[in-house]
Amino acid sequence: MNDKMATTGFWDGEECEYCGGPIVEKEVTVHRQVNGSYFLFENVPAGVCKECGTRYYAANILKRMEETIHGKQKAVREVLVPVFAV
């Protein structure tokens, strides 16, 4: 998922639409549930607000995650996730 070339400097000078804080580039972990299946994306480039933590993703990153969910890319590894009822 590492697509640094497409996002380097992408968030420079941008402000959070919610709190007005500065947005910085980071690599984050993204969890998604689609049709009862769970997906975990590691090292995803994102813009993250330094004040409130809101995450922003470039369109090409979202497209790659969507394609991955629909089988365009093989998973690096699989993990067992425990499920608890409270």
C-alpha atoms as a PDB file:
ATOM      1  CA  MET A   1       0.000   0.000   0.000  1.00  0.00           C
ATOM      2  CA  ASN A   2       3.059   2.222   0.233  1.00  0.00           C
ATOM      3  CA  ASP A   3       2.421   5.006  -2.315  1.00  0.00           C
ATOM      4  CA  LYS A   4       4.691   7.763  -0.983  1.00  0.00           C
ATOM      5  CA  MET A   5       5.486   9.208  -4.392  1.00  0.00           C
ATOM      6  CA  ALA A   6       1.841  10.151  -4.914  1.00  0.00           C
ATOM      7  CA  THR A   7       1.383  11.879  -1.562  1.00  0.00           C
ATOM      8  CA  THR A   8       4.757  13.460  -0.713  1.00  0.00           C
ATOM      9  CA  GLY A   9       4.018  17.111  -0.001  1.00  0.00           C
ATOM     10  CA  PHE A  10       0.372  16.589  -0.882  1.00  0.00           C
ATOM     11  CA  TRP A  11      -0.884  17.924   2.461  1.00  0.00           C
ATOM     12  CA  ASP A  12       1.591  20.822   2.838  1.00  0.00           C
ATOM     13  CA  GLY A  13      -0.259  23.985   3.831  1.00  0.00           C
ATOM     14  CA  GLU A  14      -3.629  22.237   4.184  1.00  0.00           C
ATOM     15  CA  GLU A  15      -5.888  22.851   7.187  1.00  0.00           C
ATOM     16  CA  CYS A  16      -8.449  20.594   8.815  1.00  0.00           C
ATOM     17  CA  GLU A  17     -11.982  21.305   7.671  1.00  0.00           C
ATOM     18  CA  TYR A  18     -13.295  20.608  11.201  1.00  0.00           C
ATOM     19  CA  CYS A  19     -10.951  22.471  13.548  1.00  0.00           C
ATOM     20  CA  GLY A  20      -8.600  24.442  11.281  1.00  0.00           C
ATOM     21  CA  GLY A  21      -5.502  22.647  12.602  1.00  0.00           C
ATOM     22  CA  PRO A  22      -2.528  21.900  10.360  1.00  0.00           C
ATOM     23  CA  ILE A  23      -2.506  18.619   8.442  1.00  0.00           C
ATOM     24  CA  VAL A  24       0.693  16.559   8.471  1.00  0.00           C
ATOM     25  CA  GLU A  25       1.639  13.488   6.470  1.00  0.00           C
ATOM     26  CA  LYS A  26       1.768  10.175   8.350  1.00  0.00           C
ATOM     27  CA  GLU A  27       1.503   6.467   7.691  1.00  0.00           C
ATOM     28  CA  VAL A  28      -1.536   5.002   9.444  1.00  0.00           C
ATOM     29  CA  THR A  29      -3.357   1.697   9.853  1.00  0.00           C
ATOM     30  CA  VAL A  30      -6.866   1.560   8.379  1.00  0.00           C
ATOM     31  CA  HIS A  31      -9.547  -0.955   9.406  1.00  0.00           C
ATOM     32  CA  ARG A  32     -12.495  -1.625   7.089  1.00  0.00           C
ATOM     33  CA  GLN A  33     -15.495  -3.957   7.200  1.00  0.00           C
ATOM     34  CA  VAL A  34     -17.159  -4.692   3.856  1.00  0.00           C
ATOM     35  CA  ASN A  35     -19.997  -7.183   3.448  1.00  0.00           C
ATOM     36  CA  GLY A  36     -19.076  -9.009   6.664  1.00  0.00           C
ATOM     37  CA  SER A  37     -15.363  -9.277   5.788  1.00  0.00           C
ATOM     38  CA  TYR A  38     -12.680  -7.374   7.657  1.00  0.00           C
ATOM     39  CA  PHE A  39      -9.684  -5.707   6.019  1.00  0.00           C
ATOM     40  CA  LEU A  40      -6.601  -4.212   7.622  1.00  0.00           C
ATOM     41  CA  PHE A  41      -4.344  -1.851   5.667  1.00  0.00           C
ATOM     42  CA  GLU A  42      -0.957  -0.985   7.149  1.00  0.00           C
ATOM     43  CA  ASN A  43       1.414   1.863   6.267  1.00  0.00           C
ATOM     44  CA  VAL A  44      -1.274   3.864   4.475  1.00  0.00           C
ATOM     45  CA  PRO A  45      -0.169   7.417   3.619  1.00  0.00           C
ATOM     46  CA  ALA A  46      -2.625   9.936   5.019  1.00  0.00           C
ATOM     47  CA  GLY A  47      -2.982  13.547   6.014  1.00  0.00           C
ATOM     48  CA  VAL A  48      -3.676  13.739   9.757  1.00  0.00           C
ATOM     49  CA  CYS A  49      -4.799  16.847  11.633  1.00  0.00           C
ATOM     50  CA  LYS A  50      -2.323  17.670  14.399  1.00  0.00           C
ATOM     51  CA  GLU A  51      -5.113  19.120  16.550  1.00  0.00           C
ATOM     52  CA  CYS A  52      -8.090  16.732  16.319  1.00  0.00           C
ATOM     53  CA  GLY A  53      -6.653  13.682  14.546  1.00  0.00           C
ATOM     54  CA  THR A  54      -9.059  13.706  11.582  1.00  0.00           C
ATOM     55  CA  ARG A  55      -7.613  11.655   8.721  1.00  0.00           C
ATOM     56  CA  TYR A  56      -7.630  12.569   5.047  1.00  0.00           C
ATOM     57  CA  TYR A  57      -6.734  10.239   2.171  1.00  0.00           C
ATOM     58  CA  ALA A  58      -5.752  11.074  -1.400  1.00  0.00           C
ATOM     59  CA  ALA A  59      -8.114   9.703  -4.065  1.00  0.00           C
ATOM     60  CA  ASN A  60      -5.469   7.345  -5.490  1.00  0.00           C
ATOM     61  CA  ILE A  61      -4.975   5.776  -2.042  1.00  0.00           C
ATOM     62  CA  LEU A  62      -8.720   5.215  -1.586  1.00  0.00           C
ATOM     63  CA  LYS A  63      -8.894   3.675  -5.063  1.00  0.00           C
ATOM     64  CA  ARG A  64      -6.063   1.259  -4.276  1.00  0.00           C
ATOM     65  CA  MET A  65      -7.751   0.192  -1.039  1.00  0.00           C
ATOM     66  CA  GLU A  66     -11.045  -0.361  -2.898  1.00  0.00           C
ATOM     67  CA  GLU A  67      -9.310  -2.427  -5.597  1.00  0.00           C
ATOM     68  CA  THR A  68      -7.545  -4.462  -2.931  1.00  0.00           C
ATOM     69  CA  ILE A  69     -10.827  -5.224  -1.171  1.00  0.00           C
ATOM     70  CA  HIS A  70     -12.245  -6.480  -4.457  1.00  0.00           C
ATOM     71  CA  GLY A  71      -9.382  -8.922  -5.029  1.00  0.00           C
ATOM     72  CA  LYS A  72      -7.003  -6.969  -7.244  1.00  0.00           C
ATOM     73  CA  GLN A  73      -4.125  -7.546  -4.833  1.00  0.00           C
ATOM     74  CA  LYS A  74      -3.119 -10.532  -2.699  1.00  0.00           C
ATOM     75  CA  ALA A  75      -2.852 -10.000   1.050  1.00  0.00           C
ATOM     76  CA  VAL A  76       0.641  -9.782   2.536  1.00  0.00           C
ATOM     77  CA  ARG A  77      -0.501 -11.946   5.467  1.00  0.00           C
ATOM     78  CA  GLU A  78      -3.643 -12.944   7.336  1.00  0.00           C
ATOM     79  CA  VAL A  79      -4.293 -12.649  11.075  1.00  0.00           C
ATOM     80  CA  LEU A  80      -6.774 -14.344  13.355  1.00  0.00           C
ATOM     81  CA  VAL A  81      -9.051 -11.824  15.091  1.00  0.00           C
ATOM     82  CA  PRO A  82     -10.785 -12.792  18.346  1.00  0.00           C
ATOM     83  CA  VAL A  83     -14.443 -11.813  18.652  1.00  0.00           C
ATOM     84  CA  PHE A  84     -16.026 -11.076  22.020  1.00  0.00           C
ATOM     85  CA  ALA A  85     -19.624 -10.511  23.077  1.00  0.00           C
ATOM     86  CA  VAL A  86     -20.177  -8.183  26.032  1.00  0.00           C
END
